[in-house]
Amino acid sequence: MLLFLLFILKQKIMEDKVMPTIRDWGFLEVIVGLIFGIISIILFYQERNRSRKDLRYKVLYNEPLVKVKEDDASRIKIFFDDEPANDVYWAVVKNINCGK
């Protein structure tokens, strides 16, 4: 549809039915340039404002759950699901949604 209108406008310009000075400075090329310029600006801002996924984390606290002295290490055992757990830590993590 747009190309058809541009074709008709060009035909009228070439037939001098519209102002003859319009043809001299490339009026049709200016209009086509403006149309494509506006379209490119619109597409640029749509891409820029597109929702982005971004998830970050921050460790607030990270300490051992149990502190065992070397002398008592042979006497104290920590198990998880019937498997020995040597290093058990208590950590507090904050998840941050930075996306749009």
PDB file of N, CA and C in Angstrom:
ATOM      1  N   MET A   1       0.831  -1.184   0.000  1.00  0.00           N
ATOM      2  CA  MET A   1       0.000   0.000   0.000  1.00  0.00           C
ATOM      3  C   MET A   1       0.875   1.247   0.000  1.00  0.00           C
ATOM      4  N   LEU A   2       1.888   1.255   0.862  1.00  0.00           N
ATOM      5  CA  LEU A   2       2.776   2.411   0.942  1.00  0.00           C
ATOM      6  C   LEU A   2       3.558   2.584  -0.350  1.00  0.00           C
ATOM      7  N   LEU A   3       4.021   1.476  -0.904  1.00  0.00           N
ATOM      8  CA  LEU A   3       4.761   1.555  -2.164  1.00  0.00           C
ATOM      9  C   LEU A   3       3.868   2.049  -3.295  1.00  0.00           C
ATOM     10  N   PHE A   4       2.608   1.642  -3.284  1.00  0.00           N
ATOM     11  CA  PHE A   4       1.672   2.111  -4.304  1.00  0.00           C
ATOM     12  C   PHE A   4       1.477   3.616  -4.207  1.00  0.00           C
ATOM     13  N   LEU A   5       1.314   4.136  -2.988  1.00  0.00           N
ATOM     14  CA  LEU A   5       1.158   5.580  -2.801  1.00  0.00           C
ATOM     15  C   LEU A   5       2.412   6.330  -3.223  1.00  0.00           C
ATOM     16  N   LEU A   6       3.570   5.779  -2.908  1.00  0.00           N
ATOM     17  CA  LEU A   6       4.813   6.424  -3.333  1.00  0.00           C
ATOM     18  C   LEU A   6       4.945   6.412  -4.850  1.00  0.00           C
ATOM     19  N   PHE A   7       4.501   5.335  -5.486  1.00  0.00           N
ATOM     20  CA  PHE A   7       4.552   5.255  -6.943  1.00  0.00           C
ATOM     21  C   PHE A   7       3.654   6.314  -7.573  1.00  0.00           C
ATOM     22  N   ILE A   8       2.439   6.478  -7.046  1.00  0.00           N
ATOM     23  CA  ILE A   8       1.516   7.489  -7.570  1.00  0.00           C
ATOM     24  C   ILE A   8       2.088   8.881  -7.359  1.00  0.00           C
ATOM     25  N   LEU A   9       2.656   9.141  -6.179  1.00  0.00           N
ATOM     26  CA  LEU A   9       3.248  10.445  -5.902  1.00  0.00           C
ATOM     27  C   LEU A   9       4.391  10.732  -6.859  1.00  0.00           C
ATOM     28  N   LYS A  10       5.191   9.730  -7.140  1.00  0.00           N
ATOM     29  CA  LYS A  10       6.310   9.913  -8.064  1.00  0.00           C
ATOM     30  C   LYS A  10       5.797  10.201  -9.474  1.00  0.00           C
ATOM     31  N   GLN A  11       4.737   9.513  -9.887  1.00  0.00           N
ATOM     32  CA  GLN A  11       4.176   9.760 -11.214  1.00  0.00           C
ATOM     33  C   GLN A  11       3.658  11.187 -11.334  1.00  0.00           C
ATOM     34  N   LYS A  12       2.995  11.683 -10.305  1.00  0.00           N
ATOM     35  CA  LYS A  12       2.469  13.049 -10.349  1.00  0.00           C
ATOM     36  C   LYS A  12       3.595  14.069 -10.347  1.00  0.00           C
ATOM     37  N   ILE A  13       4.664  13.772  -9.617  1.00  0.00           N
ATOM     38  CA  ILE A  13       5.801  14.691  -9.609  1.00  0.00           C
ATOM     39  C   ILE A  13       6.443  14.727 -10.991  1.00  0.00           C
ATOM     40  N   MET A  14       6.598  13.571 -11.614  1.00  0.00           N
ATOM     41  CA  MET A  14       7.240  13.512 -12.921  1.00  0.00           C
ATOM     42  C   MET A  14       6.380  14.173 -14.000  1.00  0.00           C
ATOM     43  N   GLU A  15       5.069  14.172 -13.827  1.00  0.00           N
ATOM     44  CA  GLU A  15       4.182  14.797 -14.806  1.00  0.00           C
ATOM     45  C   GLU A  15       4.018  16.286 -14.543  1.00  0.00           C
ATOM     46  N   ASP A  16       4.667  16.819 -13.551  1.00  0.00           N
ATOM     47  CA  ASP A  16       4.590  18.233 -13.168  1.00  0.00           C
ATOM     48  C   ASP A  16       3.171  18.659 -12.793  1.00  0.00           C
ATOM     49  N   LYS A  17       2.351  17.716 -12.304  1.00  0.00           N
ATOM     50  CA  LYS A  17       1.031  18.093 -11.817  1.00  0.00           C
ATOM     51  C   LYS A  17       1.128  18.659 -10.409  1.00  0.00           C
ATOM     52  N   VAL A  18       2.168  18.274  -9.698  1.00  0.00           N
ATOM     53  CA  VAL A  18       2.457  18.865  -8.403  1.00  0.00           C
ATOM     54  C   VAL A  18       3.485  19.950  -8.673  1.00  0.00           C
ATOM     55  N   MET A  19       3.807  20.744  -7.685  1.00  0.00           N
ATOM     56  CA  MET A  19       4.724  21.869  -7.897  1.00  0.00           C
ATOM     57  C   MET A  19       5.990  21.405  -8.610  1.00  0.00           C
ATOM     58  N   PRO A  20       6.415  22.090  -9.635  1.00  0.00           N
ATOM     59  CA  PRO A  20       7.607  21.655 -10.372  1.00  0.00           C
ATOM     60  C   PRO A  20       8.886  21.750  -9.558  1.00  0.00           C
ATOM     61  N   THR A  21       8.931  22.563  -8.508  1.00  0.00           N
ATOM     62  CA  THR A  21      10.159  22.689  -7.717  1.00  0.00           C
ATOM     63  C   THR A  21      10.375  21.481  -6.821  1.00  0.00           C
ATOM     64  N   ILE A  22       9.328  20.723  -6.558  1.00  0.00           N
ATOM     65  CA  ILE A  22       9.471  19.547  -5.702  1.00  0.00           C
ATOM     66  C   ILE A  22      10.410  18.539  -6.350  1.00  0.00           C
ATOM     67  N   ARG A  23      10.293  18.358  -7.647  1.00  0.00           N
ATOM     68  CA  ARG A  23      11.110  17.391  -8.361  1.00  0.00           C
ATOM     69  C   ARG A  23      12.580  17.797  -8.340  1.00  0.00           C
ATOM     70  N   ASP A  24      12.871  19.063  -8.264  1.00  0.00           N
ATOM     71  CA  ASP A  24      14.243  19.543  -8.376  1.00  0.00           C
ATOM     72  C   ASP A  24      15.104  19.140  -7.181  1.00  0.00           C
ATOM     73  N   TRP A  25      14.566  19.098  -5.995  1.00  0.00           N
ATOM     74  CA  TRP A  25      15.409  18.788  -4.836  1.00  0.00           C
ATOM     75  C   TRP A  25      15.141  17.406  -4.255  1.00  0.00           C
ATOM     76  N   GLY A  26      14.560  16.522  -5.018  1.00  0.00           N
ATOM     77  CA  GLY A  26      14.413  15.128  -4.600  1.00  0.00           C
ATOM     78  C   GLY A  26      13.426  14.949  -3.467  1.00  0.00           C
ATOM     79  N   PHE A  27      12.238  15.501  -3.633  1.00  0.00           N
ATOM     80  CA  PHE A  27      11.236  15.446  -2.574  1.00  0.00           C
ATOM     81  C   PHE A  27      10.874  14.012  -2.204  1.00  0.00           C
ATOM     82  N   LEU A  28      10.759  13.152  -3.195  1.00  0.00           N
ATOM     83  CA  LEU A  28      10.388  11.763  -2.931  1.00  0.00           C
ATOM     84  C   LEU A  28      11.452  11.053  -2.101  1.00  0.00           C
ATOM     85  N   GLU A  29      12.712  11.302  -2.410  1.00  0.00           N
ATOM     86  CA  GLU A  29      13.792  10.672  -1.651  1.00  0.00           C
ATOM     87  C   GLU A  29      13.807  11.150  -0.202  1.00  0.00           C
ATOM     88  N   VAL A  30      13.464  12.410   0.001  1.00  0.00           N
ATOM     89  CA  VAL A  30      13.412  12.945   1.369  1.00  0.00           C
ATOM     90  C   VAL A  30      12.293  12.268   2.152  1.00  0.00           C
ATOM     91  N   ILE A  31      11.141  12.104   1.534  1.00  0.00           N
ATOM     92  CA  ILE A  31      10.017  11.457   2.227  1.00  0.00           C
ATOM     93  C   ILE A  31      10.354  10.005   2.549  1.00  0.00           C
ATOM     94  N   VAL A  32      10.927   9.292   1.595  1.00  0.00           N
ATOM     95  CA  VAL A  32      11.304   7.895   1.838  1.00  0.00           C
ATOM     96  C   VAL A  32      12.349   7.823   2.945  1.00  0.00           C
ATOM     97  N   GLY A  33      13.310   8.733   2.937  1.00  0.00           N
ATOM     98  CA  GLY A  33      14.327   8.762   3.993  1.00  0.00           C
ATOM     99  C   GLY A  33      13.725   9.027   5.362  1.00  0.00           C
ATOM    100  N   LEU A  34      12.771   9.955   5.428  1.00  0.00           N
ATOM    101  CA  LEU A  34      12.109  10.243   6.707  1.00  0.00           C
ATOM    102  C   LEU A  34      11.301   9.046   7.202  1.00  0.00           C
ATOM    103  N   ILE A  35      10.613   8.382   6.295  1.00  0.00           N
ATOM    104  CA  ILE A  35       9.817   7.215   6.698  1.00  0.00           C
ATOM    105  C   ILE A  35      10.718   6.125   7.268  1.00  0.00           C
ATOM    106  N   PHE A  36      11.805   5.821   6.561  1.00  0.00           N
ATOM    107  CA  PHE A  36      12.705   4.780   7.059  1.00  0.00           C
ATOM    108  C   PHE A  36      13.447   5.228   8.318  1.00  0.00           C
ATOM    109  N   GLY A  37      13.718   6.517   8.446  1.00  0.00           N
ATOM    110  CA  GLY A  37      14.342   7.026   9.666  1.00  0.00           C
ATOM    111  C   GLY A  37      13.432   6.864  10.870  1.00  0.00           C
ATOM    112  N   ILE A  38      12.162   7.192  10.699  1.00  0.00           N
ATOM    113  CA  ILE A  38      11.199   7.051  11.798  1.00  0.00           C
ATOM    114  C   ILE A  38      11.026   5.580  12.166  1.00  0.00           C
ATOM    115  N   ILE A  39      10.956   4.713  11.153  1.00  0.00           N
ATOM    116  CA  ILE A  39      10.824   3.277  11.428  1.00  0.00           C
ATOM    117  C   ILE A  39      12.038   2.758  12.191  1.00  0.00           C
ATOM    118  N   SER A  40      13.238   3.199  11.804  1.00  0.00           N
ATOM    119  CA  SER A  40      14.440   2.715  12.499  1.00  0.00           C
ATOM    120  C   SER A  40      14.501   3.225  13.934  1.00  0.00           C
ATOM    121  N   ILE A  41      14.058   4.449  14.186  1.00  0.00           N
ATOM    122  CA  ILE A  41      14.037   4.975  15.562  1.00  0.00           C
ATOM    123  C   ILE A  41      13.043   4.186  16.411  1.00  0.00           C
ATOM    124  N   ILE A  42      11.878   3.891  15.856  1.00  0.00           N
ATOM    125  CA  ILE A  42      10.877   3.112  16.595  1.00  0.00           C
ATOM    126  C   ILE A  42      11.417   1.727  16.930  1.00  0.00           C
ATOM    127  N   LEU A  43      12.043   1.070  15.954  1.00  0.00           N
ATOM    128  CA  LEU A  43      12.599  -0.266  16.207  1.00  0.00           C
ATOM    129  C   LEU A  43      13.737  -0.222  17.220  1.00  0.00           C
ATOM    130  N   PHE A  44      14.546   0.839  17.199  1.00  0.00           N
ATOM    131  CA  PHE A  44      15.639   0.977  18.163  1.00  0.00           C
ATOM    132  C   PHE A  44      15.100   1.058  19.585  1.00  0.00           C
ATOM    133  N   TYR A  45      14.074   1.883  19.815  1.00  0.00           N
ATOM    134  CA  TYR A  45      13.538   2.028  21.163  1.00  0.00           C
ATOM    135  C   TYR A  45      12.769   0.787  21.615  1.00  0.00           C
ATOM    136  N   GLN A  46      12.147   0.075  20.691  1.00  0.00           N
ATOM    137  CA  GLN A  46      11.488  -1.173  21.076  1.00  0.00           C
ATOM    138  C   GLN A  46      12.508  -2.201  21.529  1.00  0.00           C
ATOM    139  N   GLU A  47      13.629  -2.294  20.832  1.00  0.00           N
ATOM    140  CA  GLU A  47      14.678  -3.241  21.223  1.00  0.00           C
ATOM    141  C   GLU A  47      15.302  -2.836  22.553  1.00  0.00           C
ATOM    142  N   ARG A  48      15.467  -1.543  22.752  1.00  0.00           N
ATOM    143  CA  ARG A  48      16.090  -1.045  23.982  1.00  0.00           C
ATOM    144  C   ARG A  48      15.205  -1.288  25.202  1.00  0.00           C
ATOM    145  N   ASN A  49      13.908  -1.172  25.024  1.00  0.00           N
ATOM    146  CA  ASN A  49      12.983  -1.322  26.150  1.00  0.00           C
ATOM    147  C   ASN A  49      12.472  -2.745  26.312  1.00  0.00           C
ATOM    148  N   ARG A  50      13.016  -3.665  25.549  1.00  0.00           N
ATOM    149  CA  ARG A  50      12.605  -5.061  25.663  1.00  0.00           C
ATOM    150  C   ARG A  50      12.968  -5.588  27.049  1.00  0.00           C
ATOM    151  N   SER A  51      12.131  -6.444  27.570  1.00  0.00           N
ATOM    152  CA  SER A  51      12.394  -6.979  28.904  1.00  0.00           C
ATOM    153  C   SER A  51      13.626  -7.877  28.874  1.00  0.00           C
ATOM    154  N   ARG A  52      14.490  -7.651  29.807  1.00  0.00           N
ATOM    155  CA  ARG A  52      15.717  -8.438  29.920  1.00  0.00           C
ATOM    156  C   ARG A  52      15.662  -9.249  31.210  1.00  0.00           C
ATOM    157  N   LYS A  53      16.142 -10.477  31.135  1.00  0.00           N
ATOM    158  CA  LYS A  53      16.162 -11.348  32.306  1.00  0.00           C
ATOM    159  C   LYS A  53      17.528 -11.240  32.956  1.00  0.00           C
ATOM    160  N   ASP A  54      17.534 -10.908  34.238  1.00  0.00           N
ATOM    161  CA  ASP A  54      18.791 -10.771  34.963  1.00  0.00           C
ATOM    162  C   ASP A  54      18.526 -11.104  36.428  1.00  0.00           C
ATOM    163  N   LEU A  55      19.180 -12.141  36.913  1.00  0.00           N
ATOM    164  CA  LEU A  55      19.027 -12.579  38.295  1.00  0.00           C
ATOM    165  C   LEU A  55      20.406 -12.622  38.932  1.00  0.00           C
ATOM    166  N   ARG A  56      20.551 -11.941  40.062  1.00  0.00           N
ATOM    167  CA  ARG A  56      21.838 -11.896  40.758  1.00  0.00           C
ATOM    168  C   ARG A  56      21.640 -12.352  42.196  1.00  0.00           C
ATOM    169  N   TYR A  57      22.747 -12.674  42.842  1.00  0.00           N
ATOM    170  CA  TYR A  57      22.674 -13.082  44.241  1.00  0.00           C
ATOM    171  C   TYR A  57      23.795 -12.401  45.020  1.00  0.00           C
ATOM    172  N   LYS A  58      23.557 -12.302  46.327  1.00  0.00           N
ATOM    173  CA  LYS A  58      24.544 -11.715  47.225  1.00  0.00           C
ATOM    174  C   LYS A  58      24.582 -12.574  48.482  1.00  0.00           C
ATOM    175  N   VAL A  59      25.782 -13.018  48.861  1.00  0.00           N
ATOM    176  CA  VAL A  59      25.949 -13.831  50.064  1.00  0.00           C
ATOM    177  C   VAL A  59      26.024 -12.877  51.253  1.00  0.00           C
ATOM    178  N   LEU A  60      25.032 -12.956  52.137  1.00  0.00           N
ATOM    179  CA  LEU A  60      24.985 -12.072  53.297  1.00  0.00           C
ATOM    180  C   LEU A  60      25.735 -12.655  54.487  1.00  0.00           C
ATOM    181  N   TYR A  61      25.683 -13.968  54.625  1.00  0.00           N
ATOM    182  CA  TYR A  61      26.282 -14.617  55.793  1.00  0.00           C
ATOM    183  C   TYR A  61      26.729 -16.005  55.387  1.00  0.00           C
ATOM    184  N   ASN A  62      27.960 -16.376  55.747  1.00  0.00           N
ATOM    185  CA  ASN A  62      28.488 -17.697  55.413  1.00  0.00           C
ATOM    186  C   ASN A  62      29.465 -18.112  56.512  1.00  0.00           C
ATOM    187  N   GLU A  63      28.994 -18.970  57.411  1.00  0.00           N
ATOM    188  CA  GLU A  63      29.805 -19.423  58.546  1.00  0.00           C
ATOM    189  C   GLU A  63      29.640 -20.928  58.720  1.00  0.00           C
ATOM    190  N   PRO A  64      30.633 -21.581  59.295  1.00  0.00           N
ATOM    191  CA  PRO A  64      30.479 -23.014  59.584  1.00  0.00           C
ATOM    192  C   PRO A  64      29.359 -23.238  60.598  1.00  0.00           C
ATOM    193  N   LEU A  65      28.601 -24.297  60.392  1.00  0.00           N
ATOM    194  CA  LEU A  65      27.494 -24.604  61.291  1.00  0.00           C
ATOM    195  C   LEU A  65      28.013 -25.097  62.637  1.00  0.00           C
ATOM    196  N   VAL A  66      29.061 -25.899  62.596  1.00  0.00           N
ATOM    197  CA  VAL A  66      29.661 -26.438  63.818  1.00  0.00           C
ATOM    198  C   VAL A  66      31.162 -26.236  63.731  1.00  0.00           C
ATOM    199  N   LYS A  67      31.728 -25.688  64.799  1.00  0.00           N
ATOM    200  CA  LYS A  67      33.180 -25.538  64.866  1.00  0.00           C
ATOM    201  C   LYS A  67      33.707 -26.601  65.825  1.00  0.00           C
ATOM    202  N   VAL A  68      34.488 -27.516  65.280  1.00  0.00           N
ATOM    203  CA  VAL A  68      34.999 -28.634  66.071  1.00  0.00           C
ATOM    204  C   VAL A  68      36.506 -28.471  66.216  1.00  0.00           C
ATOM    205  N   LYS A  69      36.956 -28.565  67.444  1.00  0.00           N
ATOM    206  CA  LYS A  69      38.400 -28.503  67.681  1.00  0.00           C
ATOM    207  C   LYS A  69      39.052 -29.790  67.185  1.00  0.00           C
ATOM    208  N   GLU A  70      40.321 -29.707  66.878  1.00  0.00           N
ATOM    209  CA  GLU A  70      41.031 -30.878  66.358  1.00  0.00           C
ATOM    210  C   GLU A  70      41.048 -32.025  67.370  1.00  0.00           C
ATOM    211  N   ASP A  71      41.082 -31.708  68.649  1.00  0.00           N
ATOM    212  CA  ASP A  71      41.096 -32.756  69.677  1.00  0.00           C
ATOM    213  C   ASP A  71      39.793 -33.561  69.672  1.00  0.00           C
ATOM    214  N   ASP A  72      38.672 -32.885  69.399  1.00  0.00           N
ATOM    215  CA  ASP A  72      37.367 -33.548  69.450  1.00  0.00           C
ATOM    216  C   ASP A  72      36.908 -34.073  68.084  1.00  0.00           C
ATOM    217  N   ALA A  73      37.684 -33.880  67.048  1.00  0.00           N
ATOM    218  CA  ALA A  73      37.258 -34.270  65.696  1.00  0.00           C
ATOM    219  C   ALA A  73      37.041 -35.771  65.571  1.00  0.00           C
ATOM    220  N   SER A  74      37.767 -36.560  66.324  1.00  0.00           N
ATOM    221  CA  SER A  74      37.589 -38.016  66.240  1.00  0.00           C
ATOM    222  C   SER A  74      36.324 -38.470  66.961  1.00  0.00           C
ATOM    223  N   ARG A  75      35.810 -37.655  67.858  1.00  0.00           N
ATOM    224  CA  ARG A  75      34.636 -38.045  68.643  1.00  0.00           C
ATOM    225  C   ARG A  75      33.327 -37.528  68.040  1.00  0.00           C
ATOM    226  N   ILE A  76      33.386 -36.417  67.296  1.00  0.00           N
ATOM    227  CA  ILE A  76      32.160 -35.807  66.763  1.00  0.00           C
ATOM    228  C   ILE A  76      32.058 -36.103  65.265  1.00  0.00           C
ATOM    229  N   LYS A  77      30.916 -36.628  64.855  1.00  0.00           N
ATOM    230  CA  LYS A  77      30.655 -36.916  63.446  1.00  0.00           C
ATOM    231  C   LYS A  77      29.323 -36.273  63.063  1.00  0.00           C
ATOM    232  N   ILE A  78      29.264 -35.686  61.879  1.00  0.00           N
ATOM    233  CA  ILE A  78      28.025 -35.102  61.353  1.00  0.00           C
ATOM    234  C   ILE A  78      27.635 -35.898  60.114  1.00  0.00           C
ATOM    235  N   PHE A  79      26.370 -36.366  60.098  1.00  0.00           N
ATOM    236  CA  PHE A  79      25.885 -37.169  58.979  1.00  0.00           C
ATOM    237  C   PHE A  79      24.711 -36.470  58.303  1.00  0.00           C
ATOM    238  N   PHE A  80      24.647 -36.635  56.992  1.00  0.00           N
ATOM    239  CA  PHE A  80      23.505 -36.173  56.206  1.00  0.00           C
ATOM    240  C   PHE A  80      23.119 -37.304  55.263  1.00  0.00           C
ATOM    241  N   ASP A  81      21.893 -37.806  55.395  1.00  0.00           N
ATOM    242  CA  ASP A  81      21.419 -38.968  54.620  1.00  0.00           C
ATOM    243  C   ASP A  81      22.369 -40.153  54.763  1.00  0.00           C
ATOM    244  N   ASP A  82      22.765 -40.424  55.977  1.00  0.00           N
ATOM    245  CA  ASP A  82      23.653 -41.544  56.318  1.00  0.00           C
ATOM    246  C   ASP A  82      25.027 -41.454  55.654  1.00  0.00           C
ATOM    247  N   GLU A  83      25.404 -40.280  55.225  1.00  0.00           N
ATOM    248  CA  GLU A  83      26.737 -40.045  54.656  1.00  0.00           C
ATOM    249  C   GLU A  83      27.437 -38.999  55.525  1.00  0.00           C
ATOM    250  N   PRO A  84      28.729 -39.179  55.799  1.00  0.00           N
ATOM    251  CA  PRO A  84      29.424 -38.178  56.617  1.00  0.00           C
ATOM    252  C   PRO A  84      29.576 -36.853  55.864  1.00  0.00           C
ATOM    253  N   ALA A  85      29.284 -35.772  56.576  1.00  0.00           N
ATOM    254  CA  ALA A  85      29.434 -34.424  56.018  1.00  0.00           C
ATOM    255  C   ALA A  85      30.548 -33.732  56.788  1.00  0.00           C
ATOM    256  N   ASN A  86      31.618 -33.411  56.094  1.00  0.00           N
ATOM    257  CA  ASN A  86      32.778 -32.830  56.771  1.00  0.00           C
ATOM    258  C   ASN A  86      32.649 -31.323  56.964  1.00  0.00           C
ATOM    259  N   ASP A  87      32.314 -30.618  55.918  1.00  0.00           N
ATOM    260  CA  ASP A  87      32.216 -29.157  56.000  1.00  0.00           C
ATOM    261  C   ASP A  87      30.756 -28.752  55.867  1.00  0.00           C
ATOM    262  N   VAL A  88      30.154 -28.359  56.987  1.00  0.00           N
ATOM    263  CA  VAL A  88      28.759 -27.941  56.994  1.00  0.00           C
ATOM    264  C   VAL A  88      28.727 -26.448  57.288  1.00  0.00           C
ATOM    265  N   TYR A  89      28.142 -25.690  56.370  1.00  0.00           N
ATOM    266  CA  TYR A  89      28.084 -24.240  56.511  1.00  0.00           C
ATOM    267  C   TYR A  89      26.642 -23.774  56.534  1.00  0.00           C
ATOM    268  N   TRP A  90      26.433 -22.670  57.230  1.00  0.00           N
ATOM    269  CA  TRP A  90      25.144 -22.000  57.241  1.00  0.00           C
ATOM    270  C   TRP A  90      25.320 -20.735  56.421  1.00  0.00           C
ATOM    271  N   ALA A  91      24.558 -20.621  55.345  1.00  0.00           N
ATOM    272  CA  ALA A  91      24.699 -19.478  54.443  1.00  0.00           C
ATOM    273  C   ALA A  91      23.344 -18.804  54.255  1.00  0.00           C
ATOM    274  N   VAL A  92      23.366 -17.481  54.250  1.00  0.00           N
ATOM    275  CA  VAL A  92      22.186 -16.677  53.951  1.00  0.00           C
ATOM    276  C   VAL A  92      22.476 -15.962  52.635  1.00  0.00           C
ATOM    277  N   VAL A  93      21.638 -16.234  51.642  1.00  0.00           N
ATOM    278  CA  VAL A  93      21.840 -15.685  50.301  1.00  0.00           C
ATOM    279  C   VAL A  93      20.630 -14.846  49.933  1.00  0.00           C
ATOM    280  N   LYS A  94      20.884 -13.651  49.398  1.00  0.00           N
ATOM    281  CA  LYS A  94      19.807 -12.768  48.952  1.00  0.00           C
ATOM    282  C   LYS A  94      19.757 -12.805  47.429  1.00  0.00           C
ATOM    283  N   ASN A  95      18.595 -13.174  46.872  1.00  0.00           N
ATOM    284  CA  ASN A  95      18.394 -13.181  45.423  1.00  0.00           C
ATOM    285  C   ASN A  95      17.826 -11.836  44.996  1.00  0.00           C
ATOM    286  N   ILE A  96      18.370 -11.279  43.921  1.00  0.00           N
ATOM    287  CA  ILE A  96      17.968  -9.958  43.451  1.00  0.00           C
ATOM    288  C   ILE A  96      17.541 -10.076  41.987  1.00  0.00           C
ATOM    289  N   ASN A  97      16.327  -9.642  41.686  1.00  0.00           N
ATOM    290  CA  ASN A  97      15.843  -9.612  40.306  1.00  0.00           C
ATOM    291  C   ASN A  97      16.176  -8.245  39.723  1.00  0.00           C
ATOM    292  N   CYS A  98      17.177  -8.190  38.857  1.00  0.00           N
ATOM    293  CA  CYS A  98      17.615  -6.934  38.251  1.00  0.00           C
ATOM    294  C   CYS A  98      17.044  -6.746  36.851  1.00  0.00           C
ATOM    295  N   GLY A  99      16.252  -7.679  36.371  1.00  0.00           N
ATOM    296  CA  GLY A  99      15.700  -7.587  35.024  1.00  0.00           C
ATOM    297  C   GLY A  99      14.503  -6.662  34.980  1.00  0.00           C
ATOM    298  N   LYS A 100      14.028  -6.473  33.761  1.00  0.00           N
ATOM    299  CA  LYS A 100      12.850  -5.621  33.575  1.00  0.00           C
ATOM    300  C   LYS A 100      11.630  -6.474  33.397  1.00  0.00           C
TER     301      LYS A 100
END
